[in-house]
Amino acid sequence: FLCGGNVVPEPFYLSDQTLVTQIICYDLRFPEILRYPARKGAKIAFYVAQWPSSRLDHWLSLLKARAIENDIFIVACNSCGDDGHTNYAGNSIVINPNGEILGHLDDKEGVLTTHIDVDLVDQQREYIPVFRNLKPHLYK
């Protein structure tokens, strides 16, 4: 996770020239961490986490919120099972920019495949121009 003094990582390109970003675990709770790469053009955000079963509702709600508020695809992988100290929620998931679930695993190990049409990001950002309507001067 990010610590004091760190900067939000720049988005990077996949081999097909799709701009993506990666975010880990607790940082999901901070919407501004995804806002920066989304405004820079990222179309997919990859989350890797170890969220416990006791916070499963938070995990799913925050992922959906990040997808909708940034018009971005979310691909989220969460640990599952019990390590002797914590029972992990699993529930890895893929969510589109409209907040629709494209694929979802339960609390067990598994493989999830789905189709992501990155053109939907541009369509959604044009239809609901959130980034153009931001007022960052209000956040200072």
N, C-alpha and C. Protein backbone atom coordinates (compact mmCIF):
# COMPACT_ATOMS: atom_id res chain seq x y z
N PHE A 1 0.83 -1.18 0.00
CA PHE A 1 0.00 0.00 0.00
C PHE A 1 0.88 1.24 0.00
N LEU A 2 0.26 2.37 -0.27
CA LEU A 2 1.01 3.62 -0.29
C LEU A 2 1.28 4.11 1.12
N CYS A 3 2.46 4.65 1.32
CA CYS A 3 2.84 5.23 2.60
C CYS A 3 3.07 6.71 2.41
N GLY A 4 3.15 7.45 3.52
CA GLY A 4 3.41 8.88 3.44
C GLY A 4 4.63 9.17 2.57
N GLY A 5 4.47 10.12 1.66
CA GLY A 5 5.58 10.49 0.79
C GLY A 5 5.59 9.75 -0.53
N ASN A 6 4.84 8.65 -0.63
CA ASN A 6 4.77 7.93 -1.90
C ASN A 6 3.89 8.68 -2.88
N VAL A 7 4.06 8.35 -4.14
CA VAL A 7 3.20 8.92 -5.17
C VAL A 7 2.37 7.80 -5.78
N VAL A 8 1.26 8.15 -6.35
CA VAL A 8 0.43 7.16 -7.04
C VAL A 8 1.17 6.72 -8.29
N PRO A 9 1.30 5.41 -8.50
CA PRO A 9 2.03 4.93 -9.68
C PRO A 9 1.38 5.39 -10.98
N GLU A 10 2.20 5.65 -11.96
CA GLU A 10 1.70 6.00 -13.29
C GLU A 10 1.05 4.77 -13.91
N PRO A 11 -0.01 4.97 -14.69
CA PRO A 11 -0.57 3.84 -15.44
C PRO A 11 0.44 3.35 -16.46
N PHE A 12 0.30 2.11 -16.88
CA PHE A 12 1.24 1.53 -17.84
C PHE A 12 0.46 0.77 -18.91
N TYR A 13 1.14 0.45 -20.01
CA TYR A 13 0.48 -0.19 -21.15
C TYR A 13 0.62 -1.70 -21.11
N LEU A 14 -0.47 -2.39 -21.43
CA LEU A 14 -0.41 -3.81 -21.72
C LEU A 14 0.08 -3.97 -23.15
N SER A 15 0.32 -5.18 -23.57
CA SER A 15 0.87 -5.41 -24.91
C SER A 15 -0.05 -4.92 -26.03
N ASP A 16 -1.35 -4.83 -25.76
CA ASP A 16 -2.27 -4.36 -26.81
C ASP A 16 -2.46 -2.85 -26.77
N GLN A 17 -1.61 -2.15 -26.02
CA GLN A 17 -1.66 -0.69 -25.91
C GLN A 17 -2.84 -0.17 -25.10
N THR A 18 -3.39 -1.02 -24.25
CA THR A 18 -4.42 -0.58 -23.32
C THR A 18 -3.75 -0.08 -22.05
N LEU A 19 -4.06 1.13 -21.65
CA LEU A 19 -3.48 1.73 -20.45
C LEU A 19 -4.19 1.16 -19.22
N VAL A 20 -3.41 0.65 -18.27
CA VAL A 20 -3.95 0.01 -17.07
C VAL A 20 -3.23 0.54 -15.83
N THR A 21 -3.75 0.18 -14.69
CA THR A 21 -3.10 0.51 -13.43
C THR A 21 -3.26 -0.65 -12.47
N GLN A 22 -2.46 -0.65 -11.42
CA GLN A 22 -2.56 -1.70 -10.41
C GLN A 22 -2.60 -1.06 -9.02
N ILE A 23 -3.44 -1.63 -8.18
CA ILE A 23 -3.63 -1.10 -6.84
C ILE A 23 -3.76 -2.29 -5.90
N ILE A 24 -3.26 -2.14 -4.68
CA ILE A 24 -3.30 -3.28 -3.77
C ILE A 24 -4.13 -3.01 -2.52
N CYS A 25 -4.76 -4.03 -2.08
CA CYS A 25 -5.41 -4.22 -0.79
C CYS A 25 -6.09 -3.00 -0.18
N TYR A 26 -5.55 -2.50 0.91
CA TYR A 26 -6.15 -1.42 1.71
C TYR A 26 -6.35 -0.15 0.89
N ASP A 27 -5.54 0.06 -0.12
CA ASP A 27 -5.64 1.27 -0.94
C ASP A 27 -6.98 1.39 -1.66
N LEU A 28 -7.74 0.30 -1.73
CA LEU A 28 -9.09 0.35 -2.30
C LEU A 28 -9.96 1.35 -1.55
N ARG A 29 -9.68 1.58 -0.29
CA ARG A 29 -10.49 2.48 0.53
C ARG A 29 -10.28 3.96 0.21
N PHE A 30 -9.31 4.27 -0.65
CA PHE A 30 -8.99 5.66 -0.96
C PHE A 30 -9.31 5.94 -2.43
N PRO A 31 -10.46 6.56 -2.71
CA PRO A 31 -10.88 6.74 -4.10
C PRO A 31 -9.91 7.56 -4.93
N GLU A 32 -9.18 8.48 -4.31
CA GLU A 32 -8.27 9.33 -5.07
C GLU A 32 -7.09 8.55 -5.66
N ILE A 33 -6.78 7.39 -5.09
CA ILE A 33 -5.66 6.60 -5.62
C ILE A 33 -5.98 6.08 -7.01
N LEU A 34 -7.22 5.73 -7.28
CA LEU A 34 -7.60 5.29 -8.62
C LEU A 34 -7.93 6.48 -9.52
N ARG A 35 -8.39 7.57 -8.97
CA ARG A 35 -8.79 8.72 -9.78
C ARG A 35 -7.63 9.22 -10.64
N TYR A 36 -6.42 9.27 -10.08
CA TYR A 36 -5.27 9.78 -10.83
C TYR A 36 -5.01 8.96 -12.10
N PRO A 37 -4.79 7.64 -12.01
CA PRO A 37 -4.54 6.90 -13.26
C PRO A 37 -5.74 6.88 -14.20
N ALA A 38 -6.95 6.92 -13.65
CA ALA A 38 -8.14 6.96 -14.51
C ALA A 38 -8.15 8.25 -15.32
N ARG A 39 -7.84 9.36 -14.69
CA ARG A 39 -7.79 10.64 -15.41
C ARG A 39 -6.66 10.67 -16.43
N LYS A 40 -5.62 9.87 -16.21
CA LYS A 40 -4.51 9.79 -17.17
C LYS A 40 -4.84 8.84 -18.32
N GLY A 41 -6.02 8.21 -18.29
CA GLY A 41 -6.45 7.37 -19.40
C GLY A 41 -6.50 5.88 -19.14
N ALA A 42 -6.21 5.44 -17.92
CA ALA A 42 -6.27 4.00 -17.62
C ALA A 42 -7.69 3.49 -17.86
N LYS A 43 -7.78 2.32 -18.47
CA LYS A 43 -9.08 1.73 -18.79
C LYS A 43 -9.39 0.49 -17.95
N ILE A 44 -8.36 -0.08 -17.33
CA ILE A 44 -8.54 -1.25 -16.48
C ILE A 44 -7.72 -1.04 -15.21
N ALA A 45 -8.33 -1.32 -14.07
CA ALA A 45 -7.61 -1.29 -12.79
C ALA A 45 -7.56 -2.70 -12.23
N PHE A 46 -6.35 -3.16 -11.95
CA PHE A 46 -6.14 -4.48 -11.35
C PHE A 46 -5.92 -4.30 -9.85
N TYR A 47 -6.75 -4.95 -9.06
CA TYR A 47 -6.61 -4.94 -7.60
C TYR A 47 -6.19 -6.33 -7.15
N VAL A 48 -5.19 -6.40 -6.29
CA VAL A 48 -4.78 -7.64 -5.65
C VAL A 48 -4.88 -7.39 -4.15
N ALA A 49 -5.55 -8.30 -3.44
CA ALA A 49 -5.84 -7.99 -2.05
C ALA A 49 -5.93 -9.23 -1.17
N GLN A 50 -6.02 -8.96 0.13
CA GLN A 50 -6.28 -9.97 1.15
C GLN A 50 -7.34 -9.43 2.10
N TRP A 51 -8.54 -9.26 1.57
CA TRP A 51 -9.64 -8.75 2.40
C TRP A 51 -10.28 -9.92 3.14
N PRO A 52 -10.51 -9.76 4.44
CA PRO A 52 -11.09 -10.84 5.23
C PRO A 52 -12.59 -11.00 4.97
N SER A 53 -13.08 -12.16 5.31
CA SER A 53 -14.51 -12.46 5.14
C SER A 53 -15.39 -11.49 5.91
N SER A 54 -14.90 -11.00 7.03
CA SER A 54 -15.71 -10.07 7.84
C SER A 54 -15.97 -8.75 7.13
N ARG A 55 -15.20 -8.45 6.08
CA ARG A 55 -15.41 -7.21 5.33
C ARG A 55 -15.77 -7.46 3.86
N LEU A 56 -16.39 -8.60 3.60
CA LEU A 56 -16.78 -8.93 2.23
C LEU A 56 -17.69 -7.87 1.63
N ASP A 57 -18.66 -7.37 2.38
CA ASP A 57 -19.56 -6.34 1.85
C ASP A 57 -18.79 -5.08 1.46
N HIS A 58 -17.81 -4.71 2.25
CA HIS A 58 -16.98 -3.54 1.92
C HIS A 58 -16.23 -3.79 0.61
N TRP A 59 -15.60 -4.95 0.49
CA TRP A 59 -14.84 -5.33 -0.70
C TRP A 59 -15.68 -5.16 -1.95
N LEU A 60 -16.85 -5.78 -1.97
CA LEU A 60 -17.69 -5.75 -3.16
C LEU A 60 -18.27 -4.35 -3.43
N SER A 61 -18.69 -3.67 -2.39
CA SER A 61 -19.27 -2.33 -2.57
C SER A 61 -18.24 -1.32 -3.06
N LEU A 62 -17.04 -1.34 -2.48
CA LEU A 62 -16.01 -0.39 -2.88
C LEU A 62 -15.52 -0.65 -4.30
N LEU A 63 -15.40 -1.91 -4.68
CA LEU A 63 -14.98 -2.22 -6.05
C LEU A 63 -15.98 -1.68 -7.06
N LYS A 64 -17.26 -1.92 -6.79
CA LYS A 64 -18.30 -1.43 -7.70
C LYS A 64 -18.28 0.10 -7.75
N ALA A 65 -18.12 0.74 -6.60
CA ALA A 65 -18.07 2.20 -6.56
C ALA A 65 -16.89 2.73 -7.38
N ARG A 66 -15.72 2.12 -7.25
CA ARG A 66 -14.54 2.58 -8.00
C ARG A 66 -14.76 2.44 -9.50
N ALA A 67 -15.41 1.37 -9.92
CA ALA A 67 -15.69 1.18 -11.35
C ALA A 67 -16.60 2.29 -11.87
N ILE A 68 -17.66 2.56 -11.14
CA ILE A 68 -18.65 3.55 -11.58
C ILE A 68 -18.09 4.96 -11.53
N GLU A 69 -17.44 5.33 -10.43
CA GLU A 69 -17.00 6.72 -10.28
C GLU A 69 -15.84 7.09 -11.19
N ASN A 70 -15.13 6.08 -11.72
CA ASN A 70 -14.00 6.34 -12.62
C ASN A 70 -14.24 5.84 -14.04
N ASP A 71 -15.42 5.30 -14.31
CA ASP A 71 -15.71 4.75 -15.64
C ASP A 71 -14.55 3.87 -16.09
N ILE A 72 -14.29 2.83 -15.32
CA ILE A 72 -13.14 1.97 -15.56
C ILE A 72 -13.52 0.52 -15.28
N PHE A 73 -12.85 -0.41 -15.96
CA PHE A 73 -13.02 -1.83 -15.64
C PHE A 73 -12.22 -2.13 -14.39
N ILE A 74 -12.79 -2.96 -13.52
CA ILE A 74 -12.10 -3.43 -12.32
C ILE A 74 -11.90 -4.93 -12.47
N VAL A 75 -10.66 -5.37 -12.31
CA VAL A 75 -10.33 -6.79 -12.25
C VAL A 75 -9.69 -6.99 -10.88
N ALA A 76 -10.41 -7.66 -9.99
CA ALA A 76 -9.97 -7.74 -8.59
C ALA A 76 -9.81 -9.19 -8.15
N CYS A 77 -8.65 -9.47 -7.60
CA CYS A 77 -8.32 -10.81 -7.12
C CYS A 77 -8.09 -10.73 -5.61
N ASN A 78 -8.86 -11.50 -4.87
CA ASN A 78 -8.74 -11.49 -3.41
C ASN A 78 -8.39 -12.88 -2.91
N SER A 79 -7.56 -12.95 -1.89
CA SER A 79 -7.20 -14.23 -1.28
C SER A 79 -8.45 -14.92 -0.74
N CYS A 80 -8.38 -16.25 -0.68
CA CYS A 80 -9.48 -17.01 -0.09
C CYS A 80 -8.89 -18.05 0.86
N GLY A 81 -9.73 -18.59 1.69
CA GLY A 81 -9.28 -19.61 2.64
C GLY A 81 -8.85 -19.01 3.96
N ASP A 82 -8.25 -19.86 4.79
CA ASP A 82 -7.85 -19.47 6.14
C ASP A 82 -6.37 -19.74 6.32
N ASP A 83 -5.64 -18.75 6.81
CA ASP A 83 -4.20 -18.92 7.02
C ASP A 83 -3.84 -19.19 8.48
N GLY A 84 -4.85 -19.48 9.30
CA GLY A 84 -4.62 -19.71 10.72
C GLY A 84 -4.87 -18.47 11.56
N HIS A 85 -4.86 -17.31 10.93
CA HIS A 85 -5.12 -16.06 11.63
C HIS A 85 -6.34 -15.34 11.06
N THR A 86 -6.50 -15.45 9.75
CA THR A 86 -7.55 -14.70 9.06
C THR A 86 -8.26 -15.60 8.07
N ASN A 87 -9.57 -15.47 8.00
CA ASN A 87 -10.34 -16.14 6.96
C ASN A 87 -10.59 -15.12 5.87
N TYR A 88 -10.06 -15.38 4.67
CA TYR A 88 -10.15 -14.43 3.57
C TYR A 88 -11.41 -14.65 2.75
N ALA A 89 -11.95 -13.56 2.22
CA ALA A 89 -13.27 -13.55 1.59
C ALA A 89 -13.32 -14.14 0.19
N GLY A 90 -12.17 -14.20 -0.51
CA GLY A 90 -12.25 -14.61 -1.91
C GLY A 90 -13.07 -13.59 -2.68
N ASN A 91 -14.01 -14.08 -3.47
CA ASN A 91 -14.89 -13.20 -4.25
C ASN A 91 -14.13 -12.32 -5.22
N SER A 92 -13.20 -12.94 -5.94
CA SER A 92 -12.54 -12.23 -7.04
C SER A 92 -13.61 -11.90 -8.07
N ILE A 93 -13.41 -10.79 -8.79
CA ILE A 93 -14.52 -10.26 -9.58
C ILE A 93 -14.02 -9.38 -10.72
N VAL A 94 -14.82 -9.29 -11.78
CA VAL A 94 -14.58 -8.34 -12.87
C VAL A 94 -15.85 -7.50 -13.00
N ILE A 95 -15.67 -6.17 -13.00
CA ILE A 95 -16.79 -5.23 -13.04
C ILE A 95 -16.56 -4.24 -14.17
N ASN A 96 -17.60 -3.94 -14.94
CA ASN A 96 -17.45 -2.98 -16.04
C ASN A 96 -17.70 -1.55 -15.55
N PRO A 97 -17.45 -0.54 -16.39
CA PRO A 97 -17.61 0.86 -15.97
C PRO A 97 -19.03 1.25 -15.55
N ASN A 98 -20.02 0.45 -15.91
CA ASN A 98 -21.40 0.71 -15.49
C ASN A 98 -21.72 0.06 -14.14
N GLY A 99 -20.74 -0.64 -13.57
CA GLY A 99 -20.96 -1.33 -12.30
C GLY A 99 -21.54 -2.72 -12.46
N GLU A 100 -21.63 -3.20 -13.69
CA GLU A 100 -22.18 -4.54 -13.94
C GLU A 100 -21.09 -5.59 -13.74
N ILE A 101 -21.45 -6.67 -13.08
CA ILE A 101 -20.51 -7.76 -12.82
C ILE A 101 -20.42 -8.64 -14.06
N LEU A 102 -19.21 -8.76 -14.60
CA LEU A 102 -18.97 -9.58 -15.79
C LEU A 102 -18.55 -10.99 -15.44
N GLY A 103 -18.02 -11.17 -14.27
CA GLY A 103 -17.59 -12.48 -13.80
C GLY A 103 -17.30 -12.40 -12.32
N HIS A 104 -17.55 -13.52 -11.61
CA HIS A 104 -17.42 -13.49 -10.16
C HIS A 104 -17.12 -14.89 -9.66
N LEU A 105 -16.16 -15.02 -8.77
CA LEU A 105 -15.89 -16.27 -8.09
C LEU A 105 -16.40 -16.17 -6.66
N ASP A 106 -16.69 -17.30 -6.05
CA ASP A 106 -17.13 -17.25 -4.66
C ASP A 106 -15.92 -17.25 -3.74
N ASP A 107 -16.02 -17.89 -2.60
CA ASP A 107 -14.93 -17.86 -1.62
C ASP A 107 -13.93 -19.01 -1.78
N LYS A 108 -13.96 -19.66 -2.93
CA LYS A 108 -13.03 -20.76 -3.22
C LYS A 108 -12.05 -20.36 -4.31
N GLU A 109 -10.96 -21.13 -4.42
CA GLU A 109 -10.01 -20.89 -5.51
C GLU A 109 -10.69 -21.20 -6.84
N GLY A 110 -10.27 -20.50 -7.88
CA GLY A 110 -10.84 -20.75 -9.19
C GLY A 110 -10.18 -19.90 -10.24
N VAL A 111 -10.59 -20.11 -11.47
CA VAL A 111 -10.11 -19.33 -12.60
C VAL A 111 -11.31 -18.62 -13.20
N LEU A 112 -11.15 -17.34 -13.46
CA LEU A 112 -12.24 -16.54 -14.00
C LEU A 112 -11.79 -15.96 -15.33
N THR A 113 -12.57 -16.19 -16.36
CA THR A 113 -12.29 -15.58 -17.66
C THR A 113 -13.54 -14.84 -18.13
N THR A 114 -13.31 -13.71 -18.76
CA THR A 114 -14.41 -12.92 -19.29
C THR A 114 -13.86 -12.02 -20.38
N HIS A 115 -14.74 -11.46 -21.18
CA HIS A 115 -14.34 -10.53 -22.24
C HIS A 115 -14.46 -9.10 -21.74
N ILE A 116 -13.43 -8.31 -21.99
CA ILE A 116 -13.45 -6.89 -21.64
C ILE A 116 -13.36 -6.08 -22.92
N ASP A 117 -14.37 -5.30 -23.19
CA ASP A 117 -14.38 -4.41 -24.35
C ASP A 117 -13.97 -3.02 -23.87
N VAL A 118 -12.68 -2.69 -24.02
CA VAL A 118 -12.18 -1.42 -23.48
C VAL A 118 -12.80 -0.21 -24.16
N ASP A 119 -13.41 -0.38 -25.32
CA ASP A 119 -14.09 0.75 -25.97
C ASP A 119 -15.25 1.28 -25.11
N LEU A 120 -15.79 0.42 -24.25
CA LEU A 120 -16.87 0.83 -23.37
C LEU A 120 -16.42 1.96 -22.44
N VAL A 121 -15.15 1.97 -22.06
CA VAL A 121 -14.64 3.03 -21.18
C VAL A 121 -14.79 4.39 -21.85
N ASP A 122 -14.33 4.51 -23.09
CA ASP A 122 -14.45 5.79 -23.81
C ASP A 122 -15.90 6.19 -24.01
N GLN A 123 -16.75 5.21 -24.34
CA GLN A 123 -18.17 5.51 -24.53
C GLN A 123 -18.79 6.03 -23.23
N GLN A 124 -18.47 5.37 -22.14
CA GLN A 124 -19.03 5.76 -20.85
C GLN A 124 -18.51 7.13 -20.41
N ARG A 125 -17.22 7.38 -20.63
CA ARG A 125 -16.63 8.67 -20.24
C ARG A 125 -17.18 9.81 -21.09
N GLU A 126 -17.58 9.52 -22.31
CA GLU A 126 -18.20 10.54 -23.16
C GLU A 126 -19.65 10.77 -22.74
N TYR A 127 -20.36 9.70 -22.43
CA TYR A 127 -21.77 9.78 -22.06
C TYR A 127 -21.96 10.50 -20.72
N ILE A 128 -21.11 10.15 -19.74
CA ILE A 128 -21.15 10.80 -18.42
C ILE A 128 -19.77 11.40 -18.19
N PRO A 129 -19.58 12.67 -18.55
CA PRO A 129 -18.24 13.29 -18.56
C PRO A 129 -17.76 13.72 -17.17
N VAL A 130 -17.63 12.75 -16.27
CA VAL A 130 -17.25 13.05 -14.90
C VAL A 130 -15.93 13.83 -14.83
N PHE A 131 -14.93 13.39 -15.57
CA PHE A 131 -13.62 14.04 -15.47
C PHE A 131 -13.65 15.48 -15.97
N ARG A 132 -14.45 15.75 -16.98
CA ARG A 132 -14.57 17.13 -17.46
C ARG A 132 -15.29 18.02 -16.46
N ASN A 133 -16.13 17.43 -15.64
CA ASN A 133 -16.92 18.20 -14.68
C ASN A 133 -16.31 18.28 -13.28
N LEU A 134 -15.13 17.71 -13.10
CA LEU A 134 -14.47 17.78 -11.80
C LEU A 134 -14.13 19.23 -11.44
N LYS A 135 -14.09 19.48 -10.18
CA LYS A 135 -13.71 20.81 -9.68
C LYS A 135 -12.60 20.62 -8.65
N PRO A 136 -11.39 20.29 -9.11
CA PRO A 136 -10.30 19.96 -8.18
C PRO A 136 -9.92 21.10 -7.24
N HIS A 137 -10.22 22.33 -7.61
CA HIS A 137 -9.90 23.45 -6.73
C HIS A 137 -10.69 23.38 -5.41
N LEU A 138 -11.78 22.64 -5.41
CA LEU A 138 -12.58 22.50 -4.19
C LEU A 138 -11.94 21.55 -3.18
N TYR A 139 -10.97 20.74 -3.61
CA TYR A 139 -10.39 19.71 -2.75
C TYR A 139 -9.15 20.20 -2.01
N LYS A 140 -8.73 21.41 -2.24
CA LYS A 140 -7.48 21.89 -1.63
C LYS A 140 -7.69 22.32 -0.20
